[in-house]
Amino acid sequence: MALLVALASLGTSSWLELAAHWLSGLRPQATGYAALVYLASALQLQIVAALAIMGLTLLARLAAGRADNARRVTFDCLALLIYYAAGQGLLGLLLVHGFPRVVA
């Protein structure tokens, strides 16, 4: 259950970030900054898509009885990628929202 909540949270936060920029009127073809903002969001959504596939694979392995304490490499790889996705998302938010405020 925690896996589904984590995947839903990552996906929703990435999608909300992208939608907020679009609704604010920022278009990727307007400036280089706008293009990089959308690039950061697209990269985050790609990682979230990979996490969703890995999460569904893990759930299938759990349902089939193929994941347990002895065969836990799927858990470990998924956990590492979740940590990486969270860190990448935070760094992307810092660059997109924090850096322009510090410079201005």
N, C-alpha and C. Protein backbone atom coordinates (compact mmCIF):
# COMPACT_ATOMS: atom_id res chain seq x y z
N MET A 1 0.82 -1.19 0.00
CA MET A 1 0.00 0.00 0.00
C MET A 1 0.87 1.26 0.00
N ALA A 2 1.96 1.22 0.77
CA ALA A 2 2.86 2.38 0.81
C ALA A 2 3.50 2.63 -0.56
N LEU A 3 3.76 1.57 -1.29
CA LEU A 3 4.33 1.70 -2.63
C LEU A 3 3.37 2.44 -3.56
N LEU A 4 2.11 2.09 -3.51
CA LEU A 4 1.12 2.76 -4.36
C LEU A 4 0.97 4.23 -3.99
N VAL A 5 1.01 4.52 -2.70
CA VAL A 5 0.91 5.92 -2.24
C VAL A 5 2.13 6.72 -2.70
N ALA A 6 3.31 6.12 -2.60
CA ALA A 6 4.53 6.81 -3.02
C ALA A 6 4.52 7.09 -4.52
N LEU A 7 4.12 6.11 -5.31
CA LEU A 7 4.06 6.31 -6.76
C LEU A 7 3.01 7.35 -7.14
N ALA A 8 1.87 7.30 -6.49
CA ALA A 8 0.81 8.28 -6.78
C ALA A 8 1.26 9.69 -6.38
N SER A 9 1.96 9.81 -5.27
CA SER A 9 2.44 11.12 -4.82
C SER A 9 3.47 11.69 -5.78
N LEU A 10 4.42 10.87 -6.22
CA LEU A 10 5.43 11.33 -7.17
C LEU A 10 4.80 11.75 -8.50
N GLY A 11 3.89 10.94 -8.99
CA GLY A 11 3.25 11.26 -10.26
C GLY A 11 2.38 12.51 -10.18
N THR A 12 1.62 12.63 -9.11
CA THR A 12 0.74 13.79 -8.94
C THR A 12 1.54 15.07 -8.78
N SER A 13 2.59 15.03 -8.00
CA SER A 13 3.39 16.24 -7.80
C SER A 13 4.07 16.68 -9.08
N SER A 14 4.56 15.73 -9.87
CA SER A 14 5.19 16.07 -11.14
C SER A 14 4.17 16.66 -12.11
N TRP A 15 3.00 16.06 -12.17
CA TRP A 15 1.97 16.56 -13.07
C TRP A 15 1.46 17.94 -12.63
N LEU A 16 1.30 18.16 -11.35
CA LEU A 16 0.85 19.47 -10.85
C LEU A 16 1.87 20.56 -11.16
N GLU A 17 3.13 20.24 -11.05
CA GLU A 17 4.18 21.21 -11.37
C GLU A 17 4.10 21.62 -12.84
N LEU A 18 3.95 20.65 -13.70
CA LEU A 18 3.86 20.92 -15.13
C LEU A 18 2.59 21.70 -15.47
N ALA A 19 1.48 21.31 -14.89
CA ALA A 19 0.20 21.99 -15.15
C ALA A 19 0.20 23.42 -14.61
N ALA A 20 0.84 23.65 -13.48
CA ALA A 20 0.89 25.00 -12.91
C ALA A 20 1.66 25.94 -13.82
N HIS A 21 2.74 25.48 -14.39
CA HIS A 21 3.50 26.33 -15.31
C HIS A 21 2.69 26.62 -16.57
N TRP A 22 1.99 25.62 -17.07
CA TRP A 22 1.19 25.82 -18.27
C TRP A 22 0.05 26.81 -18.01
N LEU A 23 -0.63 26.66 -16.87
CA LEU A 23 -1.75 27.55 -16.55
C LEU A 23 -1.29 28.97 -16.24
N SER A 24 -0.05 29.13 -15.83
CA SER A 24 0.46 30.48 -15.56
C SER A 24 0.81 31.23 -16.83
N GLY A 25 0.79 30.54 -17.96
CA GLY A 25 1.08 31.18 -19.23
C GLY A 25 2.49 30.97 -19.72
N LEU A 26 3.28 30.23 -18.99
CA LEU A 26 4.65 29.94 -19.40
C LEU A 26 4.64 28.87 -20.47
N ARG A 27 5.15 29.20 -21.64
CA ARG A 27 5.18 28.26 -22.76
C ARG A 27 6.63 27.90 -23.09
N PRO A 28 6.89 26.65 -23.43
CA PRO A 28 8.28 26.23 -23.65
C PRO A 28 8.96 26.93 -24.82
N GLN A 29 8.22 27.40 -25.79
CA GLN A 29 8.83 28.05 -26.94
C GLN A 29 9.11 29.53 -26.70
N ALA A 30 8.71 30.06 -25.55
CA ALA A 30 8.84 31.50 -25.28
C ALA A 30 10.31 31.88 -25.01
N THR A 31 10.95 31.22 -24.08
CA THR A 31 12.33 31.55 -23.70
C THR A 31 13.10 30.27 -23.41
N GLY A 32 14.39 30.42 -23.26
CA GLY A 32 15.23 29.29 -22.89
C GLY A 32 14.91 28.81 -21.48
N TYR A 33 14.62 29.75 -20.57
CA TYR A 33 14.26 29.36 -19.21
C TYR A 33 12.99 28.51 -19.20
N ALA A 34 12.01 28.93 -19.99
CA ALA A 34 10.75 28.17 -20.04
C ALA A 34 10.99 26.77 -20.59
N ALA A 35 11.85 26.66 -21.59
CA ALA A 35 12.15 25.34 -22.14
C ALA A 35 12.83 24.46 -21.10
N LEU A 36 13.71 25.02 -20.30
CA LEU A 36 14.38 24.23 -19.25
C LEU A 36 13.42 23.84 -18.13
N VAL A 37 12.45 24.72 -17.86
CA VAL A 37 11.43 24.38 -16.85
C VAL A 37 10.65 23.15 -17.31
N TYR A 38 10.23 23.15 -18.56
CA TYR A 38 9.48 22.01 -19.07
C TYR A 38 10.37 20.78 -19.22
N LEU A 39 11.63 20.96 -19.51
CA LEU A 39 12.56 19.84 -19.60
C LEU A 39 12.72 19.17 -18.23
N ALA A 40 12.84 19.96 -17.19
CA ALA A 40 12.97 19.40 -15.84
C ALA A 40 11.73 18.59 -15.47
N SER A 41 10.57 19.11 -15.81
CA SER A 41 9.32 18.39 -15.52
C SER A 41 9.22 17.11 -16.35
N ALA A 42 9.62 17.17 -17.61
CA ALA A 42 9.55 15.98 -18.46
C ALA A 42 10.50 14.90 -17.97
N LEU A 43 11.69 15.28 -17.53
CA LEU A 43 12.63 14.28 -17.00
C LEU A 43 12.08 13.63 -15.73
N GLN A 44 11.44 14.43 -14.90
CA GLN A 44 10.86 13.89 -13.68
C GLN A 44 9.72 12.92 -14.01
N LEU A 45 8.90 13.26 -14.99
CA LEU A 45 7.81 12.37 -15.38
C LEU A 45 8.34 11.06 -15.98
N GLN A 46 9.49 11.11 -16.65
CA GLN A 46 10.07 9.87 -17.18
C GLN A 46 10.52 8.95 -16.05
N ILE A 47 11.12 9.53 -15.03
CA ILE A 47 11.53 8.71 -13.88
C ILE A 47 10.31 8.13 -13.18
N VAL A 48 9.25 8.92 -13.06
CA VAL A 48 8.03 8.43 -12.42
C VAL A 48 7.41 7.30 -13.25
N ALA A 49 7.47 7.40 -14.57
CA ALA A 49 6.95 6.32 -15.41
C ALA A 49 7.75 5.03 -15.20
N ALA A 50 9.06 5.16 -15.10
CA ALA A 50 9.90 3.98 -14.83
C ALA A 50 9.58 3.40 -13.45
N LEU A 51 9.32 4.27 -12.49
CA LEU A 51 8.95 3.80 -11.15
C LEU A 51 7.62 3.07 -11.18
N ALA A 52 6.69 3.57 -11.96
CA ALA A 52 5.38 2.90 -12.04
C ALA A 52 5.53 1.50 -12.62
N ILE A 53 6.35 1.37 -13.64
CA ILE A 53 6.57 0.05 -14.24
C ILE A 53 7.26 -0.88 -13.24
N MET A 54 8.27 -0.36 -12.56
CA MET A 54 8.96 -1.19 -11.56
C MET A 54 8.03 -1.55 -10.40
N GLY A 55 7.19 -0.61 -9.99
CA GLY A 55 6.25 -0.88 -8.91
C GLY A 55 5.23 -1.93 -9.28
N LEU A 56 4.72 -1.87 -10.51
CA LEU A 56 3.77 -2.89 -10.96
C LEU A 56 4.45 -4.26 -11.07
N THR A 57 5.70 -4.25 -11.49
CA THR A 57 6.46 -5.51 -11.53
C THR A 57 6.61 -6.10 -10.14
N LEU A 58 6.91 -5.25 -9.18
CA LEU A 58 7.05 -5.72 -7.80
C LEU A 58 5.73 -6.26 -7.27
N LEU A 59 4.63 -5.56 -7.55
CA LEU A 59 3.33 -6.05 -7.09
C LEU A 59 2.99 -7.40 -7.74
N ALA A 60 3.34 -7.56 -9.01
CA ALA A 60 3.11 -8.85 -9.67
C ALA A 60 3.96 -9.95 -9.05
N ARG A 61 5.20 -9.63 -8.72
CA ARG A 61 6.06 -10.62 -8.07
C ARG A 61 5.54 -10.98 -6.68
N LEU A 62 5.03 -9.97 -5.97
CA LEU A 62 4.45 -10.26 -4.66
C LEU A 62 3.21 -11.15 -4.78
N ALA A 63 2.36 -10.86 -5.76
CA ALA A 63 1.15 -11.66 -5.95
C ALA A 63 1.49 -13.09 -6.35
N ALA A 64 2.58 -13.28 -7.08
CA ALA A 64 2.98 -14.62 -7.50
C ALA A 64 3.82 -15.34 -6.45
N GLY A 65 4.16 -14.66 -5.37
CA GLY A 65 4.97 -15.28 -4.33
C GLY A 65 6.44 -15.37 -4.69
N ARG A 66 6.90 -14.52 -5.61
CA ARG A 66 8.28 -14.57 -6.07
C ARG A 66 9.16 -13.52 -5.42
N ALA A 67 8.63 -12.74 -4.49
CA ALA A 67 9.41 -11.73 -3.77
C ALA A 67 9.27 -11.98 -2.27
N ASP A 68 10.38 -12.20 -1.62
CA ASP A 68 10.38 -12.43 -0.17
C ASP A 68 11.70 -11.92 0.40
N ASN A 69 12.01 -12.25 1.63
CA ASN A 69 13.24 -11.77 2.28
C ASN A 69 14.50 -12.30 1.59
N ALA A 70 14.43 -13.49 1.04
CA ALA A 70 15.61 -14.05 0.37
C ALA A 70 15.82 -13.44 -1.01
N ARG A 71 14.75 -13.06 -1.67
CA ARG A 71 14.84 -12.47 -3.02
C ARG A 71 14.30 -11.05 -2.97
N ARG A 72 15.09 -10.16 -2.41
CA ARG A 72 14.63 -8.80 -2.19
C ARG A 72 15.30 -7.76 -3.07
N VAL A 73 15.95 -8.18 -4.13
CA VAL A 73 16.65 -7.23 -5.00
C VAL A 73 15.65 -6.27 -5.65
N THR A 74 14.44 -6.72 -5.93
CA THR A 74 13.43 -5.84 -6.53
C THR A 74 13.06 -4.73 -5.56
N PHE A 75 12.92 -5.05 -4.29
CA PHE A 75 12.64 -4.03 -3.27
C PHE A 75 13.76 -3.00 -3.20
N ASP A 76 14.99 -3.49 -3.17
CA ASP A 76 16.14 -2.60 -3.03
C ASP A 76 16.30 -1.67 -4.23
N CYS A 77 16.16 -2.22 -5.43
CA CYS A 77 16.29 -1.39 -6.63
C CYS A 77 15.18 -0.35 -6.71
N LEU A 78 13.98 -0.75 -6.37
CA LEU A 78 12.86 0.20 -6.39
C LEU A 78 13.05 1.28 -5.34
N ALA A 79 13.51 0.92 -4.17
CA ALA A 79 13.75 1.92 -3.12
C ALA A 79 14.82 2.91 -3.55
N LEU A 80 15.89 2.43 -4.15
CA LEU A 80 16.95 3.34 -4.62
C LEU A 80 16.44 4.30 -5.69
N LEU A 81 15.63 3.79 -6.60
CA LEU A 81 15.10 4.66 -7.65
C LEU A 81 14.09 5.65 -7.08
N ILE A 82 13.33 5.27 -6.08
CA ILE A 82 12.40 6.21 -5.43
C ILE A 82 13.19 7.32 -4.74
N TYR A 83 14.27 6.97 -4.06
CA TYR A 83 15.09 8.00 -3.42
C TYR A 83 15.69 8.94 -4.46
N TYR A 84 16.15 8.37 -5.58
CA TYR A 84 16.72 9.19 -6.64
C TYR A 84 15.66 10.11 -7.24
N ALA A 85 14.46 9.60 -7.46
CA ALA A 85 13.38 10.42 -8.03
C ALA A 85 13.00 11.55 -7.10
N ALA A 86 12.94 11.27 -5.80
CA ALA A 86 12.62 12.33 -4.84
C ALA A 86 13.71 13.39 -4.82
N GLY A 87 14.96 12.97 -4.83
CA GLY A 87 16.07 13.93 -4.85
C GLY A 87 16.10 14.74 -6.13
N GLN A 88 15.88 14.09 -7.26
CA GLN A 88 15.85 14.81 -8.54
C GLN A 88 14.70 15.80 -8.57
N GLY A 89 13.56 15.41 -8.04
CA GLY A 89 12.41 16.32 -8.00
C GLY A 89 12.68 17.53 -7.13
N LEU A 90 13.28 17.31 -5.98
CA LEU A 90 13.61 18.44 -5.09
C LEU A 90 14.65 19.36 -5.71
N LEU A 91 15.64 18.79 -6.36
CA LEU A 91 16.65 19.61 -7.02
C LEU A 91 16.03 20.40 -8.17
N GLY A 92 15.14 19.77 -8.92
CA GLY A 92 14.45 20.47 -10.00
C GLY A 92 13.61 21.62 -9.48
N LEU A 93 12.90 21.40 -8.38
CA LEU A 93 12.11 22.48 -7.78
C LEU A 93 13.00 23.61 -7.29
N LEU A 94 14.13 23.26 -6.71
CA LEU A 94 15.05 24.28 -6.22
C LEU A 94 15.59 25.11 -7.38
N LEU A 95 15.95 24.47 -8.48
CA LEU A 95 16.48 25.20 -9.62
C LEU A 95 15.42 26.06 -10.30
N VAL A 96 14.21 25.53 -10.42
CA VAL A 96 13.15 26.26 -11.13
C VAL A 96 12.56 27.37 -10.27
N HIS A 97 12.36 27.12 -8.98
CA HIS A 97 11.69 28.12 -8.13
C HIS A 97 12.64 28.88 -7.23
N GLY A 98 13.68 28.24 -6.76
CA GLY A 98 14.58 28.90 -5.81
C GLY A 98 15.62 29.77 -6.45
N PHE A 99 16.28 29.28 -7.48
CA PHE A 99 17.37 30.02 -8.10
C PHE A 99 16.94 31.37 -8.67
N PRO A 100 15.83 31.47 -9.40
CA PRO A 100 15.43 32.79 -9.91
C PRO A 100 15.13 33.80 -8.80
N ARG A 101 14.63 33.33 -7.68
CA ARG A 101 14.33 34.24 -6.56
C ARG A 101 15.60 34.74 -5.89
N VAL A 102 16.62 33.89 -5.85
CA VAL A 102 17.89 34.29 -5.24
C VAL A 102 18.62 35.28 -6.13
N VAL A 103 18.57 35.06 -7.44
CA VAL A 103 19.27 35.93 -8.39
C VAL A 103 18.59 37.30 -8.48
N ALA A 104 17.27 37.31 -8.43
CA ALA A 104 16.52 38.57 -8.61
C ALA A 104 16.58 39.49 -7.43
